[in-house]
Full PDB file with SEQRES, HELIX, SHEET, SSBOND, CRYST1, ORIGX, SCALE, CONECT and MASTER records, all heavy atoms in Angstrom:
SEQRES   1 A   40  PRO GLN LYS LEU SER PHE LYS ILE ASN GLU LYS ASP GLN          
SEQRES   2 A   40  GLN THR PHE GLU GLU GLU PHE ILE ILE LEU SER MET LYS          
SEQRES   3 A   40  GLY ASP VAL GLU GLU LYS MET ILE LYS ILE ASP LYS LEU          
SEQRES   4 A   40  SER                                                          
HELIX    1 AA1 GLU A   18  PHE A   20  5                                   3    
SHEET    1 AA1 3 SER A   5  LYS A   7  0                                        
SHEET    2 AA1 3 MET A  33  LEU A  39 -1                                        
SHEET    3 AA1 3 GLY A  27  GLU A  30 -1                                        
CRYST1    1.000    1.000    1.000  90.00  90.00  90.00 P 1           1          
ORIGX1      1.000000  0.000000  0.000000        0.00000                         
ORIGX2      0.000000  1.000000  0.000000        0.00000                         
ORIGX3      0.000000  0.000000  1.000000        0.00000                         
SCALE1      1.000000  0.000000  0.000000        0.00000                         
SCALE2      0.000000  1.000000  0.000000        0.00000                         
SCALE3      0.000000  0.000000  1.000000        0.00000                         
ATOM      1  N   PRO A   1       0.802  -1.236   0.000  1.00  0.00           N  
ATOM      2  CA  PRO A   1       0.000   0.000   0.000  1.00  0.00           C  
ATOM      3  C   PRO A   1       0.836   1.288   0.000  1.00  0.00           C  
ATOM      4  O   PRO A   1       0.278   2.368   0.082  1.00  0.00           O  
ATOM      5  CB  PRO A   1      -0.793  -0.115   1.292  1.00  0.00           C  
ATOM      6  CG  PRO A   1       0.103  -0.876   2.189  1.00  0.00           C  
ATOM      7  CD  PRO A   1       0.895  -1.803   1.327  1.00  0.00           C  
ATOM      8  N   GLN A   2       2.161   1.184  -0.066  1.00  0.00           N  
ATOM      9  CA  GLN A   2       2.965   2.391   0.050  1.00  0.00           C  
ATOM     10  C   GLN A   2       2.906   3.281  -1.197  1.00  0.00           C  
ATOM     11  O   GLN A   2       3.356   4.419  -1.161  1.00  0.00           O  
ATOM     12  CB  GLN A   2       4.429   2.039   0.369  1.00  0.00           C  
ATOM     13  CG  GLN A   2       5.132   1.188  -0.653  1.00  0.00           C  
ATOM     14  CD  GLN A   2       5.064  -0.264  -0.270  1.00  0.00           C  
ATOM     15  OE1 GLN A   2       4.106  -0.658   0.386  1.00  0.00           O  
ATOM     16  NE2 GLN A   2       6.045  -1.041  -0.675  1.00  0.00           N  
ATOM     17  N   LYS A   3       2.373   2.762  -2.321  1.00  0.00           N  
ATOM     18  CA  LYS A   3       2.301   3.565  -3.556  1.00  0.00           C  
ATOM     19  C   LYS A   3       0.858   3.921  -3.857  1.00  0.00           C  
ATOM     20  O   LYS A   3      -0.036   3.096  -3.700  1.00  0.00           O  
ATOM     21  CB  LYS A   3       2.896   2.758  -4.718  1.00  0.00           C  
ATOM     22  CG  LYS A   3       4.403   2.823  -4.775  1.00  0.00           C  
ATOM     23  CD  LYS A   3       4.845   2.539  -6.178  1.00  0.00           C  
ATOM     24  CE  LYS A   3       6.290   2.937  -6.361  1.00  0.00           C  
ATOM     25  NZ  LYS A   3       6.664   2.920  -7.752  1.00  0.00           N  
ATOM     26  N   LEU A   4       0.648   5.168  -4.341  1.00  0.00           N  
ATOM     27  CA  LEU A   4      -0.691   5.620  -4.745  1.00  0.00           C  
ATOM     28  C   LEU A   4      -0.793   5.834  -6.242  1.00  0.00           C  
ATOM     29  O   LEU A   4      -1.861   6.187  -6.729  1.00  0.00           O  
ATOM     30  CB  LEU A   4      -1.047   6.917  -4.011  1.00  0.00           C  
ATOM     31  CG  LEU A   4      -1.183   6.778  -2.486  1.00  0.00           C  
ATOM     32  CD1 LEU A   4      -1.345   8.151  -1.846  1.00  0.00           C  
ATOM     33  CD2 LEU A   4      -2.349   5.891  -2.120  1.00  0.00           C  
ATOM     34  N   SER A   5       0.299   5.653  -6.950  1.00  0.00           N  
ATOM     35  CA  SER A   5       0.293   5.807  -8.407  1.00  0.00           C  
ATOM     36  C   SER A   5       1.265   4.808  -9.013  1.00  0.00           C  
ATOM     37  O   SER A   5       2.299   4.515  -8.420  1.00  0.00           O  
ATOM     38  CB  SER A   5       0.698   7.235  -8.790  1.00  0.00           C  
ATOM     39  OG  SER A   5       1.991   7.518  -8.323  1.00  0.00           O  
ATOM     40  N   PHE A   6       0.906   4.270 -10.189  1.00  0.00           N  
ATOM     41  CA  PHE A   6       1.702   3.259 -10.887  1.00  0.00           C  
ATOM     42  C   PHE A   6       1.911   3.706 -12.325  1.00  0.00           C  
ATOM     43  O   PHE A   6       0.965   4.127 -13.005  1.00  0.00           O  
ATOM     44  CB  PHE A   6       0.999   1.902 -10.865  1.00  0.00           C  
ATOM     45  CG  PHE A   6       0.939   1.294  -9.494  1.00  0.00           C  
ATOM     46  CD1 PHE A   6      -0.091   1.606  -8.617  1.00  0.00           C  
ATOM     47  CD2 PHE A   6       1.931   0.433  -9.076  1.00  0.00           C  
ATOM     48  CE1 PHE A   6      -0.128   1.055  -7.365  1.00  0.00           C  
ATOM     49  CE2 PHE A   6       1.875  -0.127  -7.813  1.00  0.00           C  
ATOM     50  CZ  PHE A   6       0.851   0.184  -6.952  1.00  0.00           C  
ATOM     51  N   LYS A   7       3.158   3.608 -12.787  1.00  0.00           N  
ATOM     52  CA  LYS A   7       3.502   4.035 -14.144  1.00  0.00           C  
ATOM     53  C   LYS A   7       3.247   2.901 -15.120  1.00  0.00           C  
ATOM     54  O   LYS A   7       3.550   1.746 -14.848  1.00  0.00           O  
ATOM     55  CB  LYS A   7       4.970   4.447 -14.194  1.00  0.00           C  
ATOM     56  CG  LYS A   7       5.341   5.189 -15.457  1.00  0.00           C  
ATOM     57  CD  LYS A   7       6.769   5.694 -15.369  1.00  0.00           C  
ATOM     58  CE  LYS A   7       7.108   6.467 -16.637  1.00  0.00           C  
ATOM     59  NZ  LYS A   7       8.501   6.985 -16.592  1.00  0.00           N  
ATOM     60  N   ILE A   8       2.702   3.281 -16.297  1.00  0.00           N  
ATOM     61  CA  ILE A   8       2.357   2.290 -17.324  1.00  0.00           C  
ATOM     62  C   ILE A   8       3.583   2.017 -18.181  1.00  0.00           C  
ATOM     63  O   ILE A   8       4.312   2.936 -18.561  1.00  0.00           O  
ATOM     64  CB  ILE A   8       1.185   2.783 -18.191  1.00  0.00           C  
ATOM     65  CG1 ILE A   8      -0.076   2.894 -17.321  1.00  0.00           C  
ATOM     66  CG2 ILE A   8       0.938   1.837 -19.349  1.00  0.00           C  
ATOM     67  CD1 ILE A   8      -1.172   3.660 -17.960  1.00  0.00           C  
ATOM     68  N   ASN A   9       3.802   0.733 -18.474  1.00  0.00           N  
ATOM     69  CA  ASN A   9       4.885   0.314 -19.362  1.00  0.00           C  
ATOM     70  C   ASN A   9       4.291   0.034 -20.735  1.00  0.00           C  
ATOM     71  O   ASN A   9       3.671  -1.003 -20.960  1.00  0.00           O  
ATOM     72  CB  ASN A   9       5.556  -0.935 -18.795  1.00  0.00           C  
ATOM     73  CG  ASN A   9       6.780  -1.332 -19.583  1.00  0.00           C  
ATOM     74  OD1 ASN A   9       7.227  -0.594 -20.454  1.00  0.00           O  
ATOM     75  ND2 ASN A   9       7.327  -2.502 -19.276  1.00  0.00           N  
ATOM     76  N   GLU A  10       4.443   0.980 -21.656  1.00  0.00           N  
ATOM     77  CA  GLU A  10       3.826   0.845 -22.985  1.00  0.00           C  
ATOM     78  C   GLU A  10       4.411  -0.305 -23.787  1.00  0.00           C  
ATOM     79  O   GLU A  10       3.764  -0.827 -24.699  1.00  0.00           O  
ATOM     80  CB  GLU A  10       4.002   2.160 -23.752  1.00  0.00           C  
ATOM     81  CG  GLU A  10       3.146   3.294 -23.188  1.00  0.00           C  
ATOM     82  CD  GLU A  10       3.296   4.564 -24.006  1.00  0.00           C  
ATOM     83  OE1 GLU A  10       4.197   4.588 -24.864  1.00  0.00           O  
ATOM     84  OE2 GLU A  10       2.517   5.498 -23.798  1.00  0.00           O  
ATOM     85  N   LYS A  11       5.622  -0.745 -23.432  1.00  0.00           N  
ATOM     86  CA  LYS A  11       6.233  -1.854 -24.159  1.00  0.00           C  
ATOM     87  C   LYS A  11       5.633  -3.195 -23.750  1.00  0.00           C  
ATOM     88  O   LYS A  11       5.730  -4.169 -24.500  1.00  0.00           O  
ATOM     89  CB  LYS A  11       7.734  -1.870 -23.900  1.00  0.00           C  
ATOM     90  CG  LYS A  11       8.450  -0.678 -24.486  1.00  0.00           C  
ATOM     91  CD  LYS A  11       9.924  -0.748 -24.178  1.00  0.00           C  
ATOM     92  CE  LYS A  11      10.648   0.471 -24.750  1.00  0.00           C  
ATOM     93  NZ  LYS A  11      12.094   0.434 -24.439  1.00  0.00           N  
ATOM     94  N   ASP A  12       5.041  -3.262 -22.565  1.00  0.00           N  
ATOM     95  CA  ASP A  12       4.482  -4.522 -22.052  1.00  0.00           C  
ATOM     96  C   ASP A  12       2.994  -4.590 -22.398  1.00  0.00           C  
ATOM     97  O   ASP A  12       2.134  -4.300 -21.577  1.00  0.00           O  
ATOM     98  CB  ASP A  12       4.703  -4.603 -20.550  1.00  0.00           C  
ATOM     99  CG  ASP A  12       4.411  -5.996 -20.010  1.00  0.00           C  
ATOM    100  OD1 ASP A  12       4.069  -6.878 -20.812  1.00  0.00           O  
ATOM    101  OD2 ASP A  12       4.529  -6.190 -18.785  1.00  0.00           O  
ATOM    102  N   GLN A  13       2.684  -4.950 -23.637  1.00  0.00           N  
ATOM    103  CA  GLN A  13       1.305  -5.099 -24.114  1.00  0.00           C  
ATOM    104  C   GLN A  13       1.090  -6.549 -24.515  1.00  0.00           C  
ATOM    105  O   GLN A  13       1.849  -7.099 -25.305  1.00  0.00           O  
ATOM    106  CB  GLN A  13       1.060  -4.172 -25.313  1.00  0.00           C  
ATOM    107  CG  GLN A  13       1.065  -2.694 -24.942  1.00  0.00           C  
ATOM    108  CD  GLN A  13       0.738  -1.809 -26.127  1.00  0.00           C  
ATOM    109  OE1 GLN A  13       0.571  -2.301 -27.241  1.00  0.00           O  
ATOM    110  NE2 GLN A  13       0.636  -0.504 -25.898  1.00  0.00           N  
ATOM    111  N   GLN A  14       0.027  -7.145 -23.949  1.00  0.00           N  
ATOM    112  CA  GLN A  14      -0.244  -8.565 -24.193  1.00  0.00           C  
ATOM    113  C   GLN A  14      -1.740  -8.808 -24.246  1.00  0.00           C  
ATOM    114  O   GLN A  14      -2.535  -8.019 -23.718  1.00  0.00           O  
ATOM    115  CB  GLN A  14       0.350  -9.428 -23.073  1.00  0.00           C  
ATOM    116  CG  GLN A  14       1.852  -9.384 -22.984  1.00  0.00           C  
ATOM    117  CD  GLN A  14       2.369 -10.241 -21.865  1.00  0.00           C  
ATOM    118  OE1 GLN A  14       1.634 -11.036 -21.313  1.00  0.00           O  
ATOM    119  NE2 GLN A  14       3.645 -10.065 -21.528  1.00  0.00           N  
ATOM    120  N   THR A  15      -2.093  -9.922 -24.871  1.00  0.00           N  
ATOM    121  CA  THR A  15      -3.492 -10.377 -24.838  1.00  0.00           C  
ATOM    122  C   THR A  15      -3.763 -11.017 -23.488  1.00  0.00           C  
ATOM    123  O   THR A  15      -2.838 -11.301 -22.723  1.00  0.00           O  
ATOM    124  CB  THR A  15      -3.744 -11.392 -25.954  1.00  0.00           C  
ATOM    125  OG1 THR A  15      -2.833 -12.463 -25.789  1.00  0.00           O  
ATOM    126  CG2 THR A  15      -3.569 -10.753 -27.327  1.00  0.00           C  
ATOM    127  N   PHE A  16      -5.036 -11.297 -23.188  1.00  0.00           N  
ATOM    128  CA  PHE A  16      -5.384 -11.788 -21.860  1.00  0.00           C  
ATOM    129  C   PHE A  16      -6.552 -12.759 -21.957  1.00  0.00           C  
ATOM    130  O   PHE A  16      -7.190 -12.898 -23.006  1.00  0.00           O  
ATOM    131  CB  PHE A  16      -5.742 -10.614 -20.935  1.00  0.00           C  
ATOM    132  CG  PHE A  16      -6.972  -9.851 -21.383  1.00  0.00           C  
ATOM    133  CD1 PHE A  16      -8.238 -10.180 -20.901  1.00  0.00           C  
ATOM    134  CD2 PHE A  16      -6.866  -8.818 -22.310  1.00  0.00           C  
ATOM    135  CE1 PHE A  16      -9.345  -9.492 -21.328  1.00  0.00           C  
ATOM    136  CE2 PHE A  16      -7.980  -8.141 -22.720  1.00  0.00           C  
ATOM    137  CZ  PHE A  16      -9.231  -8.458 -22.242  1.00  0.00           C  
ATOM    138  N   GLU A  17      -6.836 -13.410 -20.842  1.00  0.00           N  
ATOM    139  CA  GLU A  17      -7.985 -14.284 -20.700  1.00  0.00           C  
ATOM    140  C   GLU A  17      -8.854 -13.752 -19.560  1.00  0.00           C  
ATOM    141  O   GLU A  17      -8.350 -13.238 -18.562  1.00  0.00           O  
ATOM    142  CB  GLU A  17      -7.531 -15.711 -20.383  1.00  0.00           C  
ATOM    143  CG  GLU A  17      -6.791 -16.360 -21.542  1.00  0.00           C  
ATOM    144  CD  GLU A  17      -6.361 -17.764 -21.210  1.00  0.00           C  
ATOM    145  OE1 GLU A  17      -6.707 -18.220 -20.091  1.00  0.00           O  
ATOM    146  OE2 GLU A  17      -5.691 -18.407 -22.042  1.00  0.00           O  
ATOM    147  N   GLU A  18     -10.148 -13.935 -19.718  1.00  0.00           N  
ATOM    148  CA  GLU A  18     -11.104 -13.377 -18.755  1.00  0.00           C  
ATOM    149  C   GLU A  18     -10.977 -14.037 -17.374  1.00  0.00           C  
ATOM    150  O   GLU A  18     -11.413 -13.458 -16.374  1.00  0.00           O  
ATOM    151  CB  GLU A  18     -12.538 -13.572 -19.282  1.00  0.00           C  
ATOM    152  CG  GLU A  18     -12.872 -12.728 -20.504  1.00  0.00           C  
ATOM    153  CD  GLU A  18     -12.956 -11.231 -20.187  1.00  0.00           C  
ATOM    154  OE1 GLU A  18     -13.188 -10.908 -19.003  1.00  0.00           O  
ATOM    155  OE2 GLU A  18     -12.768 -10.422 -21.094  1.00  0.00           O  
ATOM    156  N   GLU A  19     -10.424 -15.230 -17.295  1.00  0.00           N  
ATOM    157  CA  GLU A  19     -10.312 -15.926 -16.000  1.00  0.00           C  
ATOM    158  C   GLU A  19      -9.459 -15.140 -15.006  1.00  0.00           C  
ATOM    159  O   GLU A  19      -9.720 -15.147 -13.807  1.00  0.00           O  
ATOM    160  CB  GLU A  19      -9.667 -17.298 -16.198  1.00  0.00           C  
ATOM    161  CG  GLU A  19     -10.517 -18.246 -16.994  1.00  0.00           C  
ATOM    162  CD  GLU A  19      -9.804 -19.571 -17.219  1.00  0.00           C  
ATOM    163  OE1 GLU A  19      -8.617 -19.650 -16.843  1.00  0.00           O  
ATOM    164  OE2 GLU A  19     -10.413 -20.501 -17.750  1.00  0.00           O  
ATOM    165  N   PHE A  20      -8.392 -14.481 -15.504  1.00  0.00           N  
ATOM    166  CA  PHE A  20      -7.409 -13.847 -14.633  1.00  0.00           C  
ATOM    167  C   PHE A  20      -7.751 -12.393 -14.310  1.00  0.00           C  
ATOM    168  O   PHE A  20      -7.004 -11.742 -13.595  1.00  0.00           O  
ATOM    169  CB  PHE A  20      -6.019 -13.924 -15.280  1.00  0.00           C  
ATOM    170  CG  PHE A  20      -5.551 -15.327 -15.514  1.00  0.00           C  
ATOM    171  CD1 PHE A  20      -5.566 -15.883 -16.786  1.00  0.00           C  
ATOM    172  CD2 PHE A  20      -5.143 -16.117 -14.459  1.00  0.00           C  
ATOM    173  CE1 PHE A  20      -5.154 -17.173 -16.998  1.00  0.00           C  
ATOM    174  CE2 PHE A  20      -4.721 -17.413 -14.673  1.00  0.00           C  
ATOM    175  CZ  PHE A  20      -4.730 -17.949 -15.942  1.00  0.00           C  
ATOM    176  N   ILE A  21      -8.868 -11.852 -14.831  1.00  0.00           N  
ATOM    177  CA  ILE A  21      -9.271 -10.483 -14.499  1.00  0.00           C  
ATOM    178  C   ILE A  21     -10.036 -10.526 -13.187  1.00  0.00           C  
ATOM    179  O   ILE A  21     -11.029 -11.234 -13.034  1.00  0.00           O  
ATOM    180  CB  ILE A  21     -10.139  -9.868 -15.621  1.00  0.00           C  
ATOM    181  CG1 ILE A  21      -9.275  -9.648 -16.870  1.00  0.00           C  
ATOM    182  CG2 ILE A  21     -10.754  -8.554 -15.166  1.00  0.00           C  
ATOM    183  CD1 ILE A  21     -10.054  -9.310 -18.090  1.00  0.00           C  
ATOM    184  N   ILE A  22      -9.548  -9.785 -12.205  1.00  0.00           N  
ATOM    185  CA  ILE A  22     -10.138  -9.764 -10.864  1.00  0.00           C  
ATOM    186  C   ILE A  22     -11.223  -8.696 -10.770  1.00  0.00           C  
ATOM    187  O   ILE A  22     -12.329  -8.941 -10.281  1.00  0.00           O  
ATOM    188  CB  ILE A  22      -9.040  -9.522  -9.810  1.00  0.00           C  
ATOM    189  CG1 ILE A  22      -8.019 -10.668  -9.860  1.00  0.00           C  
ATOM    190  CG2 ILE A  22      -9.611  -9.410  -8.415  1.00  0.00           C  
ATOM    191  CD1 ILE A  22      -6.734 -10.377  -9.138  1.00  0.00           C  
ATOM    192  N   LEU A  23     -10.943  -7.466 -11.283  1.00  0.00           N  
ATOM    193  CA  LEU A  23     -11.876  -6.334 -11.143  1.00  0.00           C  
ATOM    194  C   LEU A  23     -11.588  -5.332 -12.243  1.00  0.00           C  
ATOM    195  O   LEU A  23     -10.423  -5.050 -12.544  1.00  0.00           O  
ATOM    196  CB  LEU A  23     -11.691  -5.657  -9.766  1.00  0.00           C  
ATOM    197  CG  LEU A  23     -12.642  -4.520  -9.429  1.00  0.00           C  
ATOM    198  CD1 LEU A  23     -14.086  -4.999  -9.322  1.00  0.00           C  
ATOM    199  CD2 LEU A  23     -12.207  -3.852  -8.137  1.00  0.00           C  
ATOM    200  N   SER A  24     -12.656  -4.835 -12.896  1.00  0.00           N  
ATOM    201  CA  SER A  24     -12.520  -3.790 -13.929  1.00  0.00           C  
ATOM    202  C   SER A  24     -13.113  -2.486 -13.384  1.00  0.00           C  
ATOM    203  O   SER A  24     -14.184  -2.472 -12.781  1.00  0.00           O  
ATOM    204  CB  SER A  24     -13.240  -4.216 -15.211  1.00  0.00           C  
ATOM    205  OG  SER A  24     -14.619  -4.398 -14.955  1.00  0.00           O  
ATOM    206  N   MET A  25     -12.377  -1.362 -13.586  1.00  0.00           N  
ATOM    207  CA  MET A  25     -12.761  -0.045 -13.048  1.00  0.00           C  
ATOM    208  C   MET A  25     -12.545   1.016 -14.114  1.00  0.00           C  
ATOM    209  O   MET A  25     -11.921   0.751 -15.158  1.00  0.00           O  
ATOM    210  CB  MET A  25     -11.884   0.276 -11.821  1.00  0.00           C  
ATOM    211  CG  MET A  25     -11.971  -0.732 -10.688  1.00  0.00           C  
ATOM    212  SD  MET A  25     -10.681  -0.494  -9.481  1.00  0.00           S  
ATOM    213  CE  MET A  25      -9.336  -1.236 -10.351  1.00  0.00           C  
ATOM    214  N   LYS A  26     -13.027   2.212 -13.835  1.00  0.00           N  
ATOM    215  CA  LYS A  26     -12.804   3.374 -14.693  1.00  0.00           C  
ATOM    216  C   LYS A  26     -12.150   4.461 -13.866  1.00  0.00           C  
ATOM    217  O   LYS A  26     -12.452   4.633 -12.685  1.00  0.00           O  
ATOM    218  CB  LYS A  26     -14.118   3.874 -15.279  1.00  0.00           C  
ATOM    219  CG  LYS A  26     -14.683   2.942 -16.333  1.00  0.00           C  
ATOM    220  CD  LYS A  26     -15.888   3.522 -17.023  1.00  0.00           C  
ATOM    221  CE  LYS A  26     -16.415   2.586 -18.105  1.00  0.00           C  
ATOM    222  NZ  LYS A  26     -17.580   3.138 -18.803  1.00  0.00           N  
ATOM    223  N   GLY A  27     -11.233   5.187 -14.542  1.00  0.00           N  
ATOM    224  CA  GLY A  27     -10.532   6.221 -13.817  1.00  0.00           C  
ATOM    225  C   GLY A  27      -9.660   7.065 -14.729  1.00  0.00           C  
ATOM    226  O   GLY A  27      -9.638   6.880 -15.957  1.00  0.00           O  
ATOM    227  N   ASP A  28      -8.978   8.048 -14.133  1.00  0.00           N  
ATOM    228  CA  ASP A  28      -8.132   8.977 -14.870  1.00  0.00           C  
ATOM    229  C   ASP A  28      -6.740   8.408 -15.024  1.00  0.00           C  
ATOM    230  O   ASP A  28      -6.180   7.838 -14.089  1.00  0.00           O  
ATOM    231  CB  ASP A  28      -8.042  10.307 -14.130  1.00  0.00           C  
ATOM    232  CG  ASP A  28      -9.401  11.000 -14.080  1.00  0.00           C  
ATOM    233  OD1 ASP A  28     -10.224  10.682 -14.951  1.00  0.00           O  
ATOM    234  OD2 ASP A  28      -9.617  11.804 -13.166  1.00  0.00           O  
ATOM    235  N   VAL A  29      -6.185   8.594 -16.205  1.00  0.00           N  
ATOM    236  CA  VAL A  29      -4.808   8.214 -16.500  1.00  0.00           C  
ATOM    237  C   VAL A  29      -4.106   9.441 -17.032  1.00  0.00           C  
ATOM    238  O   VAL A  29      -4.392   9.904 -18.145  1.00  0.00           O  
ATOM    239  CB  VAL A  29      -4.733   7.054 -17.515  1.00  0.00           C  
ATOM    240  CG1 VAL A  29      -3.274   6.710 -17.806  1.00  0.00           C  
ATOM    241  CG2 VAL A  29      -5.470   5.827 -16.996  1.00  0.00           C  
ATOM    242  N   GLU A  30      -3.230  10.040 -16.265  1.00  0.00           N  
ATOM    243  CA  GLU A  30      -2.541  11.277 -16.628  1.00  0.00           C  
ATOM    244  C   GLU A  30      -1.051  11.011 -16.718  1.00  0.00           C  
ATOM    245  O   GLU A  30      -0.451  10.485 -15.786  1.00  0.00           O  
ATOM    246  CB  GLU A  30      -2.812  12.355 -15.564  1.00  0.00           C  
ATOM    247  CG  GLU A  30      -4.268  12.787 -15.503  1.00  0.00           C  
ATOM    248  CD  GLU A  30      -4.480  13.816 -14.419  1.00  0.00           C  
ATOM    249  OE1 GLU A  30      -3.496  14.129 -13.723  1.00  0.00           O  
ATOM    250  OE2 GLU A  30      -5.622  14.276 -14.275  1.00  0.00           O  
ATOM    251  N   GLU A  31      -0.508  11.394 -17.855  1.00  0.00           N  
ATOM    252  CA  GLU A  31       0.936  11.273 -18.105  1.00  0.00           C  
ATOM    253  C   GLU A  31       1.415   9.846 -17.848  1.00  0.00           C  
ATOM    254  O   GLU A  31       2.395   9.605 -17.126  1.00  0.00           O  
ATOM    255  CB  GLU A  31       1.711  12.257 -17.222  1.00  0.00           C  
ATOM    256  CG  GLU A  31       1.417  13.699 -17.558  1.00  0.00           C  
ATOM    257  CD  GLU A  31       2.182  14.657 -16.656  1.00  0.00           C  
ATOM    258  OE1 GLU A  31       2.868  14.147 -15.718  1.00  0.00           O  
ATOM    259  OE2 GLU A  31       2.100  15.855 -16.875  1.00  0.00           O  
ATOM    260  N   LYS A  32       0.642   8.887 -18.395  1.00  0.00           N  
ATOM    261  CA  LYS A  32       0.988   7.454 -18.297  1.00  0.00           C  
ATOM    262  C   LYS A  32       1.072   6.985 -16.851  1.00  0.00           C  
ATOM    263  O   LYS A  32       1.881   6.114 -16.497  1.00  0.00           O  
ATOM    264  CB  LYS A  32       2.299   7.167 -19.019  1.00  0.00           C  
ATOM    265  CG  LYS A  32       2.285   7.484 -20.485  1.00  0.00           C  
ATOM    266  CD  LYS A  32       3.625   7.221 -21.103  1.00  0.00           C  
ATOM    267  CE  LYS A  32       3.647   7.652 -22.569  1.00  0.00           C  
ATOM    268  NZ  LYS A  32       4.955   7.429 -23.178  1.00  0.00           N  
ATOM    269  N   MET A  33       0.266   7.541 -15.962  1.00  0.00           N  
ATOM    270  CA  MET A  33       0.237   7.173 -14.547  1.00  0.00           C  
ATOM    271  C   MET A  33      -1.187   6.826 -14.143  1.00  0.00           C  
ATOM    272  O   MET A  33      -2.118   7.599 -14.437  1.00  0.00           O  
ATOM    273  CB  MET A  33       0.755   8.305 -13.663  1.00  0.00           C  
ATOM    274  CG  MET A  33       2.212   8.672 -13.891  1.00  0.00           C  
ATOM    275  SD  MET A  33       3.365   7.428 -13.311  1.00  0.00           S  
ATOM    276  CE  MET A  33       3.220   7.703 -11.563  1.00  0.00           C  
ATOM    277  N   ILE A  34      -1.395   5.717 -13.489  1.00  0.00           N  
ATOM    278  CA  ILE A  34      -2.690   5.309 -12.941  1.00  0.00           C  
ATOM    279  C   ILE A  34      -2.699   5.708 -11.478  1.00  0.00           C  
ATOM    280  O   ILE A  34      -1.877   5.230 -10.682  1.00  0.00           O  
ATOM    281  CB  ILE A  34      -2.914   3.796 -13.087  1.00  0.00           C  
ATOM    282  CG1 ILE A  34      -2.986   3.404 -14.555  1.00  0.00           C  
ATOM    283  CG2 ILE A  34      -4.178   3.358 -12.380  1.00  0.00           C  
ATOM    284  CD1 ILE A  34      -2.981   1.915 -14.813  1.00  0.00           C  
ATOM    285  N   LYS A  35      -3.650   6.612 -11.109  1.00  0.00           N  
ATOM    286  CA  LYS A  35      -3.752   7.061  -9.733  1.00  0.00           C  
ATOM    287  C   LYS A  35      -4.891   6.316  -9.046  1.00  0.00           C  
ATOM    288  O   LYS A  35      -6.015   6.276  -9.548  1.00  0.00           O  
ATOM    289  CB  LYS A  35      -3.987   8.562  -9.688  1.00  0.00           C  
ATOM    290  CG  LYS A  35      -2.770   9.348 -10.166  1.00  0.00           C  
ATOM    291  CD  LYS A  35      -2.975  10.829 -10.039  1.00  0.00           C  
ATOM    292  CE  LYS A  35      -1.729  11.602 -10.488  1.00  0.00           C  
ATOM    293  NZ  LYS A  35      -1.907  13.051 -10.370  1.00  0.00           N  
ATOM    294  N   ILE A  36      -4.593   5.717  -7.881  1.00  0.00           N  
ATOM    295  CA  ILE A  36      -5.564   4.879  -7.181  1.00  0.00           C  
ATOM    296  C   ILE A  36      -6.700   5.716  -6.625  1.00  0.00           C  
ATOM    297  O   ILE A  36      -7.853   5.267  -6.565  1.00  0.00           O  
ATOM    298  CB  ILE A  36      -4.845   4.097  -6.061  1.00  0.00           C  
ATOM    299  CG1 ILE A  36      -3.777   3.187  -6.671  1.00  0.00           C  
ATOM    300  CG2 ILE A  36      -5.804   3.243  -5.264  1.00  0.00           C  
ATOM    301  CD1 ILE A  36      -2.811   2.614  -5.675  1.00  0.00           C  
ATOM    302  N   ASP A  37      -6.413   6.945  -6.239  1.00  0.00           N  
ATOM    303  CA  ASP A  37      -7.451   7.799  -5.650  1.00  0.00           C  
ATOM    304  C   ASP A  37      -8.553   8.139  -6.653  1.00  0.00           C  
ATOM    305  O   ASP A  37      -9.693   8.397  -6.264  1.00  0.00           O  
ATOM    306  CB  ASP A  37      -6.829   9.095  -5.111  1.00  0.00           C  
ATOM    307  CG  ASP A  37      -5.847   8.805  -3.986  1.00  0.00           C  
ATOM    308  OD1 ASP A  37      -6.003   7.723  -3.357  1.00  0.00           O  
ATOM    309  OD2 ASP A  37      -4.920   9.597  -3.751  1.00  0.00           O  
ATOM    310  N   LYS A  38      -8.227   8.198  -7.936  1.00  0.00           N  
ATOM    311  CA  LYS A  38      -9.174   8.633  -8.963  1.00  0.00           C  
ATOM    312  C   LYS A  38      -9.842   7.472  -9.685  1.00  0.00           C  
ATOM    313  O   LYS A  38     -10.388   7.657 -10.761  1.00  0.00           O  
ATOM    314  CB  LYS A  38      -8.451   9.528  -9.964  1.00  0.00           C  
ATOM    315  CG  LYS A  38      -7.986  10.835  -9.322  1.00  0.00           C  
ATOM    316  CD  LYS A  38      -7.328  11.738 -10.342  1.00  0.00           C  
ATOM    317  CE  LYS A  38      -6.882  13.053  -9.701  1.00  0.00           C  
ATOM    318  NZ  LYS A  38      -6.248  13.964 -10.677  1.00  0.00           N  
ATOM    319  N   LEU A  39      -9.773   6.256  -9.134  1.00  0.00           N  
ATOM    320  CA  LEU A  39     -10.458   5.104  -9.727  1.00  0.00           C  
ATOM    321  C   LEU A  39     -11.876   5.014  -9.196  1.00  0.00           C  
ATOM    322  O   LEU A  39     -12.189   5.531  -8.113  1.00  0.00           O  
ATOM    323  CB  LEU A  39      -9.701   3.829  -9.398  1.00  0.00           C  
ATOM    324  CG  LEU A  39      -8.300   3.674 -10.016  1.00  0.00           C  
ATOM    325  CD1 LEU A  39      -7.604   2.443  -9.464  1.00  0.00           C  
ATOM    326  CD2 LEU A  39      -8.374   3.595 -11.540  1.00  0.00           C  
ATOM    327  N   SER A  40     -12.721   4.325  -9.949  1.00  0.00           N  
ATOM    328  CA  SER A  40     -14.133   4.232  -9.572  1.00  0.00           C  
ATOM    329  C   SER A  40     -14.341   3.348  -8.343  1.00  0.00           C  
ATOM    330  O   SER A  40     -15.291   3.523  -7.596  1.00  0.00           O  
ATOM    331  CB  SER A  40     -14.953   3.689 -10.744  1.00  0.00           C  
ATOM    332  OG  SER A  40     -14.484   2.392 -11.081  1.00  0.00           O  
TER     333      SER A  40                                                      
MASTER        0    0    0    1    3    0    0    6  332    1    0    4          
END                                                                             
């Protein structure tokens, strides 16, 4: 829990399977950063 924002790695793009998705949310992504406070 020590981080409130995570940087996106644009080089790490992969396909996925629905089994491994835990939770889908909507939120703001600014300057390639996902901020936990601004998620739904």
